[in-house]
């Protein structure tokens, strides 16, 4: 069977299918040897398959990846968010949708290493990826900037609400105050990368991959930037 799938007439099979068939056949023959149904595996000397890399993904060089990061302005909250997200994509190799779905609580420590928990990876599988120290440092800086923004904005809005207190019924005042505090209090269940409205107003809604161009797929690069899930 293995010899047959190496013949020219089998070339209409995709390389991935040929490799899978060969692997299964070898495993079955190995099992037959263990059960003493065969003296030896007749496929043990058959060479594996080789072929061109069929991936549609292009890889960035280290220089291109660094140039991409350098092109992102980090003097705004949205810029800091974008820089942090793209750095995370570059250094871990996770998918855009996986990064967009991350919560603050998904960043944790395991066996002395910083990690990110991917709750719904490819095939809806859960996996854990290592986050390098420099990446975690940028994430922490972004979160600190986000918390600072929420604190300062909440203080200003509460002061403004206090000026309107005499014109509001006590029940309405308390409801507005509670709403403001809730909107500007970050929790562990919040999305890590949040939307930022015009005027640098962050929201609690999760960031989506829609604003990013399709060529962000290039960020799934090989080499030192990639640490696949």
C-alpha atoms as a PDB file:
ATOM      1  CA  UNK A   1       0.000   0.000   0.000  1.00  0.00           C
ATOM      2  CA  UNK A   2       2.792   2.418   0.918  1.00  0.00           C
ATOM      3  CA  UNK A   3       4.587   1.642  -2.325  1.00  0.00           C
ATOM      4  CA  UNK A   4       1.366   2.250  -4.242  1.00  0.00           C
ATOM      5  CA  UNK A   5       0.831   5.755  -2.888  1.00  0.00           C
ATOM      6  CA  UNK A   6       4.326   6.668  -4.059  1.00  0.00           C
ATOM      7  CA  UNK A   7       3.510   5.684  -7.654  1.00  0.00           C
ATOM      8  CA  UNK A   8       2.703   8.387 -10.263  1.00  0.00           C
ATOM      9  CA  UNK A   9      -0.995   7.492 -10.395  1.00  0.00           C
ATOM     10  CA  UNK A  10      -1.300   8.415  -6.709  1.00  0.00           C
ATOM     11  CA  UNK A  11      -0.001  11.941  -7.280  1.00  0.00           C
ATOM     12  CA  UNK A  12      -3.541  13.301  -7.441  1.00  0.00           C
ATOM     13  CA  UNK A  13      -3.588  12.857  -3.664  1.00  0.00           C
ATOM     14  CA  UNK A  14      -2.515  15.877  -1.678  1.00  0.00           C
ATOM     15  CA  UNK A  15       0.830  15.537   0.078  1.00  0.00           C
ATOM     16  CA  UNK A  16      -0.834  15.789   3.475  1.00  0.00           C
ATOM     17  CA  UNK A  17      -3.132  12.858   2.625  1.00  0.00           C
ATOM     18  CA  UNK A  18      -0.234  10.745   1.361  1.00  0.00           C
ATOM     19  CA  UNK A  19       1.734  11.371   4.549  1.00  0.00           C
ATOM     20  CA  UNK A  20      -1.286  10.477   6.696  1.00  0.00           C
ATOM     21  CA  UNK A  21      -1.931   7.231   4.793  1.00  0.00           C
ATOM     22  CA  UNK A  22       1.725   6.262   5.081  1.00  0.00           C
ATOM     23  CA  UNK A  23       1.760   6.980   8.812  1.00  0.00           C
ATOM     24  CA  UNK A  24      -1.356   4.903   9.502  1.00  0.00           C
ATOM     25  CA  UNK A  25      -0.064   1.998   7.398  1.00  0.00           C
ATOM     26  CA  UNK A  26       3.260   1.975   9.235  1.00  0.00           C
ATOM     27  CA  UNK A  27       1.517   1.992  12.608  1.00  0.00           C
ATOM     28  CA  UNK A  28      -0.670  -0.951  11.595  1.00  0.00           C
ATOM     29  CA  UNK A  29       2.350  -2.903  10.374  1.00  0.00           C
ATOM     30  CA  UNK A  30       4.264  -2.125  13.587  1.00  0.00           C
ATOM     31  CA  UNK A  31       1.323  -3.455  15.567  1.00  0.00           C
ATOM     32  CA  UNK A  32       1.307  -6.614  13.449  1.00  0.00           C
ATOM     33  CA  UNK A  33       4.997  -7.126  14.293  1.00  0.00           C
ATOM     34  CA  UNK A  34       4.272  -6.702  18.013  1.00  0.00           C
ATOM     35  CA  UNK A  35       1.539  -9.337  17.753  1.00  0.00           C
ATOM     36  CA  UNK A  36       4.019 -11.600  15.967  1.00  0.00           C
ATOM     37  CA  UNK A  37       1.800 -11.689  12.892  1.00  0.00           C
ATOM     38  CA  UNK A  38       4.753 -10.386  10.866  1.00  0.00           C
ATOM     39  CA  UNK A  39       8.451 -11.000  11.356  1.00  0.00           C
ATOM     40  CA  UNK A  40       9.352  -7.413  10.541  1.00  0.00           C
ATOM     41  CA  UNK A  41       7.726  -4.230   9.249  1.00  0.00           C
ATOM     42  CA  UNK A  42       8.017  -4.269   5.442  1.00  0.00           C
ATOM     43  CA  UNK A  43       7.619  -0.485   5.391  1.00  0.00           C
ATOM     44  CA  UNK A  44      10.530   0.251   7.717  1.00  0.00           C
ATOM     45  CA  UNK A  45      12.868   0.991   4.807  1.00  0.00           C
ATOM     46  CA  UNK A  46      10.388   3.061   2.804  1.00  0.00           C
ATOM     47  CA  UNK A  47      11.433   6.698   2.640  1.00  0.00           C
ATOM     48  CA  UNK A  48       9.102   9.394   3.850  1.00  0.00           C
ATOM     49  CA  UNK A  49       7.562  12.058   1.661  1.00  0.00           C
ATOM     50  CA  UNK A  50       9.116  15.345   0.732  1.00  0.00           C
ATOM     51  CA  UNK A  51       7.679  18.210  -1.209  1.00  0.00           C
ATOM     52  CA  UNK A  52       7.413  21.937  -1.465  1.00  0.00           C
ATOM     53  CA  UNK A  53       6.060  23.886   1.444  1.00  0.00           C
ATOM     54  CA  UNK A  54       2.403  24.351   0.569  1.00  0.00           C
ATOM     55  CA  UNK A  55       1.656  26.968   3.206  1.00  0.00           C
ATOM     56  CA  UNK A  56       0.004  30.150   1.969  1.00  0.00           C
ATOM     57  CA  UNK A  57       1.495  32.194   4.808  1.00  0.00           C
ATOM     58  CA  UNK A  58       4.424  34.475   4.121  1.00  0.00           C
ATOM     59  CA  UNK A  59       6.939  35.176   6.842  1.00  0.00           C
ATOM     60  CA  UNK A  60       8.325  38.524   7.911  1.00  0.00           C
ATOM     61  CA  UNK A  61      12.042  38.823   8.396  1.00  0.00           C
ATOM     62  CA  UNK A  62      13.281  40.044  11.766  1.00  0.00           C
ATOM     63  CA  UNK A  63      13.992  43.439  10.207  1.00  0.00           C
ATOM     64  CA  UNK A  64      10.488  43.698   8.707  1.00  0.00           C
ATOM     65  CA  UNK A  65       8.901  42.718  12.000  1.00  0.00           C
ATOM     66  CA  UNK A  66      10.891  45.357  13.881  1.00  0.00           C
ATOM     67  CA  UNK A  67      10.067  47.976  11.242  1.00  0.00           C
ATOM     68  CA  UNK A  68       6.379  47.171  11.675  1.00  0.00           C
ATOM     69  CA  UNK A  69       6.610  47.690  15.428  1.00  0.00           C
ATOM     70  CA  UNK A  70       8.606  50.905  15.000  1.00  0.00           C
ATOM     71  CA  UNK A  71       5.905  52.302  12.703  1.00  0.00           C
ATOM     72  CA  UNK A  72       3.243  52.198  15.442  1.00  0.00           C
ATOM     73  CA  UNK A  73       2.929  55.450  17.444  1.00  0.00           C
ATOM     74  CA  UNK A  74       2.757  54.631  21.146  1.00  0.00           C
ATOM     75  CA  UNK A  75       1.971  58.105  22.473  1.00  0.00           C
ATOM     76  CA  UNK A  76      -1.765  57.333  22.580  1.00  0.00           C
ATOM     77  CA  UNK A  77      -3.769  54.641  24.322  1.00  0.00           C
ATOM     78  CA  UNK A  78      -4.888  53.090  21.041  1.00  0.00           C
ATOM     79  CA  UNK A  79      -1.303  53.147  19.766  1.00  0.00           C
ATOM     80  CA  UNK A  80      -0.038  51.429  22.899  1.00  0.00           C
ATOM     81  CA  UNK A  81      -2.771  48.813  22.505  1.00  0.00           C
ATOM     82  CA  UNK A  82      -1.900  48.173  18.853  1.00  0.00           C
ATOM     83  CA  UNK A  83       1.826  47.938  19.589  1.00  0.00           C
ATOM     84  CA  UNK A  84       1.228  45.473  22.411  1.00  0.00           C
ATOM     85  CA  UNK A  85      -1.152  43.309  20.391  1.00  0.00           C
ATOM     86  CA  UNK A  86       1.130  43.088  17.367  1.00  0.00           C
ATOM     87  CA  UNK A  87       4.153  42.371  19.563  1.00  0.00           C
ATOM     88  CA  UNK A  88       2.189  39.531  21.146  1.00  0.00           C
ATOM     89  CA  UNK A  89       1.247  38.169  17.710  1.00  0.00           C
ATOM     90  CA  UNK A  90       4.839  38.345  16.530  1.00  0.00           C
ATOM     91  CA  UNK A  91       6.424  36.725  19.550  1.00  0.00           C
ATOM     92  CA  UNK A  92       3.876  33.968  20.196  1.00  0.00           C
ATOM     93  CA  UNK A  93       2.406  33.157  16.779  1.00  0.00           C
ATOM     94  CA  UNK A  94      -1.163  33.082  18.106  1.00  0.00           C
ATOM     95  CA  UNK A  95      -3.968  33.951  15.707  1.00  0.00           C
ATOM     96  CA  UNK A  96      -5.677  37.338  15.488  1.00  0.00           C
ATOM     97  CA  UNK A  97      -8.953  35.934  16.786  1.00  0.00           C
ATOM     98  CA  UNK A  98      -7.131  34.301  19.710  1.00  0.00           C
ATOM     99  CA  UNK A  99      -5.466  37.577  20.679  1.00  0.00           C
ATOM    100  CA  UNK A 100      -8.747  39.474  20.346  1.00  0.00           C
ATOM    101  CA  UNK A 101     -10.482  36.978  22.648  1.00  0.00           C
ATOM    102  CA  UNK A 102      -7.898  37.182  25.445  1.00  0.00           C
ATOM    103  CA  UNK A 103      -9.087  38.328  28.856  1.00  0.00           C
ATOM    104  CA  UNK A 104      -6.959  39.966  31.519  1.00  0.00           C
ATOM    105  CA  UNK A 105      -7.302  36.789  33.602  1.00  0.00           C
ATOM    106  CA  UNK A 106      -5.855  34.703  30.750  1.00  0.00           C
ATOM    107  CA  UNK A 107      -2.413  36.107  31.545  1.00  0.00           C
ATOM    108  CA  UNK A 108      -0.944  34.148  34.409  1.00  0.00           C
ATOM    109  CA  UNK A 109       2.093  32.248  35.695  1.00  0.00           C
ATOM    110  CA  UNK A 110       2.745  28.537  35.219  1.00  0.00           C
ATOM    111  CA  UNK A 111       5.829  26.839  36.649  1.00  0.00           C
ATOM    112  CA  UNK A 112       7.649  30.156  36.896  1.00  0.00           C
ATOM    113  CA  UNK A 113       6.831  31.286  33.351  1.00  0.00           C
ATOM    114  CA  UNK A 114       4.481  33.965  32.070  1.00  0.00           C
ATOM    115  CA  UNK A 115       1.815  32.329  29.915  1.00  0.00           C
ATOM    116  CA  UNK A 116      -1.375  33.176  28.055  1.00  0.00           C
ATOM    117  CA  UNK A 117      -4.310  30.776  28.121  1.00  0.00           C
ATOM    118  CA  UNK A 118      -5.952  30.378  24.719  1.00  0.00           C
ATOM    119  CA  UNK A 119      -9.457  29.204  25.555  1.00  0.00           C
ATOM    120  CA  UNK A 120     -10.613  28.574  22.009  1.00  0.00           C
ATOM    121  CA  UNK A 121      -7.724  27.887  19.664  1.00  0.00           C
ATOM    122  CA  UNK A 122      -7.745  26.133  16.312  1.00  0.00           C
ATOM    123  CA  UNK A 123     -10.318  23.359  16.348  1.00  0.00           C
ATOM    124  CA  UNK A 124     -11.813  24.966  19.468  1.00  0.00           C
ATOM    125  CA  UNK A 125      -8.947  23.516  21.494  1.00  0.00           C
ATOM    126  CA  UNK A 126      -7.606  25.053  24.681  1.00  0.00           C
ATOM    127  CA  UNK A 127      -3.862  25.594  24.829  1.00  0.00           C
ATOM    128  CA  UNK A 128      -1.231  27.561  26.701  1.00  0.00           C
ATOM    129  CA  UNK A 129       1.496  29.671  25.102  1.00  0.00           C
ATOM    130  CA  UNK A 130       4.581  31.051  26.780  1.00  0.00           C
ATOM    131  CA  UNK A 131       4.794  34.845  26.929  1.00  0.00           C
ATOM    132  CA  UNK A 132       8.340  36.159  27.001  1.00  0.00           C
ATOM    133  CA  UNK A 133       9.306  38.609  29.721  1.00  0.00           C
ATOM    134  CA  UNK A 134       9.691  41.604  27.392  1.00  0.00           C
ATOM    135  CA  UNK A 135       6.235  40.971  25.926  1.00  0.00           C
ATOM    136  CA  UNK A 136       4.658  40.688  29.372  1.00  0.00           C
ATOM    137  CA  UNK A 137       6.372  43.934  30.338  1.00  0.00           C
ATOM    138  CA  UNK A 138       4.711  45.731  27.411  1.00  0.00           C
ATOM    139  CA  UNK A 139       1.335  44.190  28.274  1.00  0.00           C
ATOM    140  CA  UNK A 140       1.659  45.383  31.872  1.00  0.00           C
ATOM    141  CA  UNK A 141       2.596  48.889  30.686  1.00  0.00           C
ATOM    142  CA  UNK A 142      -0.453  48.972  28.403  1.00  0.00           C
ATOM    143  CA  UNK A 143      -2.763  47.778  31.199  1.00  0.00           C
ATOM    144  CA  UNK A 144      -1.324  50.367  33.585  1.00  0.00           C
ATOM    145  CA  UNK A 145      -1.985  53.108  31.032  1.00  0.00           C
ATOM    146  CA  UNK A 146      -5.523  51.808  30.551  1.00  0.00           C
ATOM    147  CA  UNK A 147      -6.180  51.732  34.312  1.00  0.00           C
ATOM    148  CA  UNK A 148      -4.771  55.233  34.715  1.00  0.00           C
ATOM    149  CA  UNK A 149      -7.014  56.525  31.960  1.00  0.00           C
ATOM    150  CA  UNK A 150     -10.094  54.960  33.552  1.00  0.00           C
ATOM    151  CA  UNK A 151      -9.197  56.362  36.975  1.00  0.00           C
ATOM    152  CA  UNK A 152      -8.640  59.914  35.715  1.00  0.00           C
ATOM    153  CA  UNK A 153     -11.710  59.932  33.491  1.00  0.00           C
ATOM    154  CA  UNK A 154     -13.936  58.467  36.198  1.00  0.00           C
ATOM    155  CA  UNK A 155     -12.755  61.156  38.635  1.00  0.00           C
ATOM    156  CA  UNK A 156     -13.575  63.935  36.154  1.00  0.00           C
ATOM    157  CA  UNK A 157     -17.004  62.516  35.366  1.00  0.00           C
ATOM    158  CA  UNK A 158     -17.862  62.058  39.043  1.00  0.00           C
ATOM    159  CA  UNK A 159     -16.887  65.677  39.726  1.00  0.00           C
ATOM    160  CA  UNK A 160     -19.109  66.783  36.866  1.00  0.00           C
ATOM    161  CA  UNK A 161     -21.962  64.658  38.204  1.00  0.00           C
ATOM    162  CA  UNK A 162     -21.491  66.161  41.653  1.00  0.00           C
ATOM    163  CA  UNK A 163     -22.054  69.627  40.175  1.00  0.00           C
ATOM    164  CA  UNK A 164     -25.415  68.418  38.831  1.00  0.00           C
ATOM    165  CA  UNK A 165     -26.505  66.754  42.064  1.00  0.00           C
ATOM    166  CA  UNK A 166     -28.891  69.499  43.155  1.00  0.00           C
ATOM    167  CA  UNK A 167     -30.850  69.138  39.898  1.00  0.00           C
ATOM    168  CA  UNK A 168     -31.138  65.358  40.176  1.00  0.00           C
ATOM    169  CA  UNK A 169     -33.297  63.195  42.362  1.00  0.00           C
ATOM    170  CA  UNK A 170     -31.239  61.209  44.848  1.00  0.00           C
ATOM    171  CA  UNK A 171     -32.183  57.907  43.219  1.00  0.00           C
ATOM    172  CA  UNK A 172     -31.100  59.104  39.769  1.00  0.00           C
ATOM    173  CA  UNK A 173     -27.869  60.551  41.147  1.00  0.00           C
ATOM    174  CA  UNK A 174     -26.948  57.294  42.863  1.00  0.00           C
ATOM    175  CA  UNK A 175     -27.794  55.281  39.739  1.00  0.00           C
ATOM    176  CA  UNK A 176     -25.631  57.498  37.507  1.00  0.00           C
ATOM    177  CA  UNK A 177     -22.771  57.397  39.983  1.00  0.00           C
ATOM    178  CA  UNK A 178     -22.889  53.610  40.213  1.00  0.00           C
ATOM    179  CA  UNK A 179     -22.964  53.332  36.413  1.00  0.00           C
ATOM    180  CA  UNK A 180     -19.913  55.571  36.004  1.00  0.00           C
ATOM    181  CA  UNK A 181     -17.918  53.618  38.567  1.00  0.00           C
ATOM    182  CA  UNK A 182     -18.875  50.306  36.966  1.00  0.00           C
ATOM    183  CA  UNK A 183     -17.933  51.517  33.482  1.00  0.00           C
ATOM    184  CA  UNK A 184     -14.490  52.613  34.612  1.00  0.00           C
ATOM    185  CA  UNK A 185     -13.602  49.729  36.911  1.00  0.00           C
ATOM    186  CA  UNK A 186     -11.431  47.094  35.262  1.00  0.00           C
ATOM    187  CA  UNK A 187     -11.893  43.464  36.219  1.00  0.00           C
ATOM    188  CA  UNK A 188     -10.042  40.241  35.498  1.00  0.00           C
ATOM    189  CA  UNK A 189     -12.843  39.142  33.169  1.00  0.00           C
ATOM    190  CA  UNK A 190     -12.451  42.191  30.909  1.00  0.00           C
ATOM    191  CA  UNK A 191     -11.032  41.783  27.436  1.00  0.00           C
ATOM    192  CA  UNK A 192      -7.293  42.412  27.305  1.00  0.00           C
ATOM    193  CA  UNK A 193      -7.442  44.449  24.110  1.00  0.00           C
ATOM    194  CA  UNK A 194     -10.456  46.766  24.244  1.00  0.00           C
ATOM    195  CA  UNK A 195     -11.993  49.027  21.654  1.00  0.00           C
ATOM    196  CA  UNK A 196     -10.996  52.674  21.756  1.00  0.00           C
ATOM    197  CA  UNK A 197     -13.538  55.143  20.456  1.00  0.00           C
ATOM    198  CA  UNK A 198     -12.755  58.469  18.874  1.00  0.00           C
ATOM    199  CA  UNK A 199     -11.157  60.722  21.447  1.00  0.00           C
ATOM    200  CA  UNK A 200      -9.307  57.839  23.108  1.00  0.00           C
ATOM    201  CA  UNK A 201     -12.332  56.613  25.047  1.00  0.00           C
ATOM    202  CA  UNK A 202     -11.818  52.926  25.859  1.00  0.00           C
ATOM    203  CA  UNK A 203     -14.829  50.681  26.339  1.00  0.00           C
ATOM    204  CA  UNK A 204     -15.278  47.338  28.037  1.00  0.00           C
ATOM    205  CA  UNK A 205     -16.238  45.633  24.773  1.00  0.00           C
ATOM    206  CA  UNK A 206     -13.704  43.172  23.401  1.00  0.00           C
ATOM    207  CA  UNK A 207     -11.505  44.201  20.545  1.00  0.00           C
ATOM    208  CA  UNK A 208     -12.262  42.549  17.218  1.00  0.00           C
ATOM    209  CA  UNK A 209      -9.888  41.632  14.417  1.00  0.00           C
ATOM    210  CA  UNK A 210     -11.976  43.531  11.846  1.00  0.00           C
ATOM    211  CA  UNK A 211      -9.986  46.813  11.979  1.00  0.00           C
ATOM    212  CA  UNK A 212      -6.779  44.984  11.100  1.00  0.00           C
ATOM    213  CA  UNK A 213      -5.781  44.509   7.448  1.00  0.00           C
ATOM    214  CA  UNK A 214      -5.631  41.009   6.035  1.00  0.00           C
ATOM    215  CA  UNK A 215      -1.863  41.194   5.683  1.00  0.00           C
ATOM    216  CA  UNK A 216      -1.578  40.876   9.457  1.00  0.00           C
ATOM    217  CA  UNK A 217      -1.465  37.159   8.587  1.00  0.00           C
ATOM    218  CA  UNK A 218       2.161  37.892   7.758  1.00  0.00           C
ATOM    219  CA  UNK A 219       2.785  38.247  11.477  1.00  0.00           C
ATOM    220  CA  UNK A 220       2.642  34.471  11.866  1.00  0.00           C
ATOM    221  CA  UNK A 221       6.325  34.436  11.000  1.00  0.00           C
ATOM    222  CA  UNK A 222       8.949  31.800  11.515  1.00  0.00           C
ATOM    223  CA  UNK A 223      12.225  32.185  13.343  1.00  0.00           C
ATOM    224  CA  UNK A 224      12.676  33.768  16.742  1.00  0.00           C
ATOM    225  CA  UNK A 225       9.377  35.664  16.505  1.00  0.00           C
ATOM    226  CA  UNK A 226       7.273  32.510  16.294  1.00  0.00           C
ATOM    227  CA  UNK A 227       6.346  30.371  19.257  1.00  0.00           C
ATOM    228  CA  UNK A 228       3.446  28.330  17.965  1.00  0.00           C
ATOM    229  CA  UNK A 229       0.491  27.212  20.064  1.00  0.00           C
END
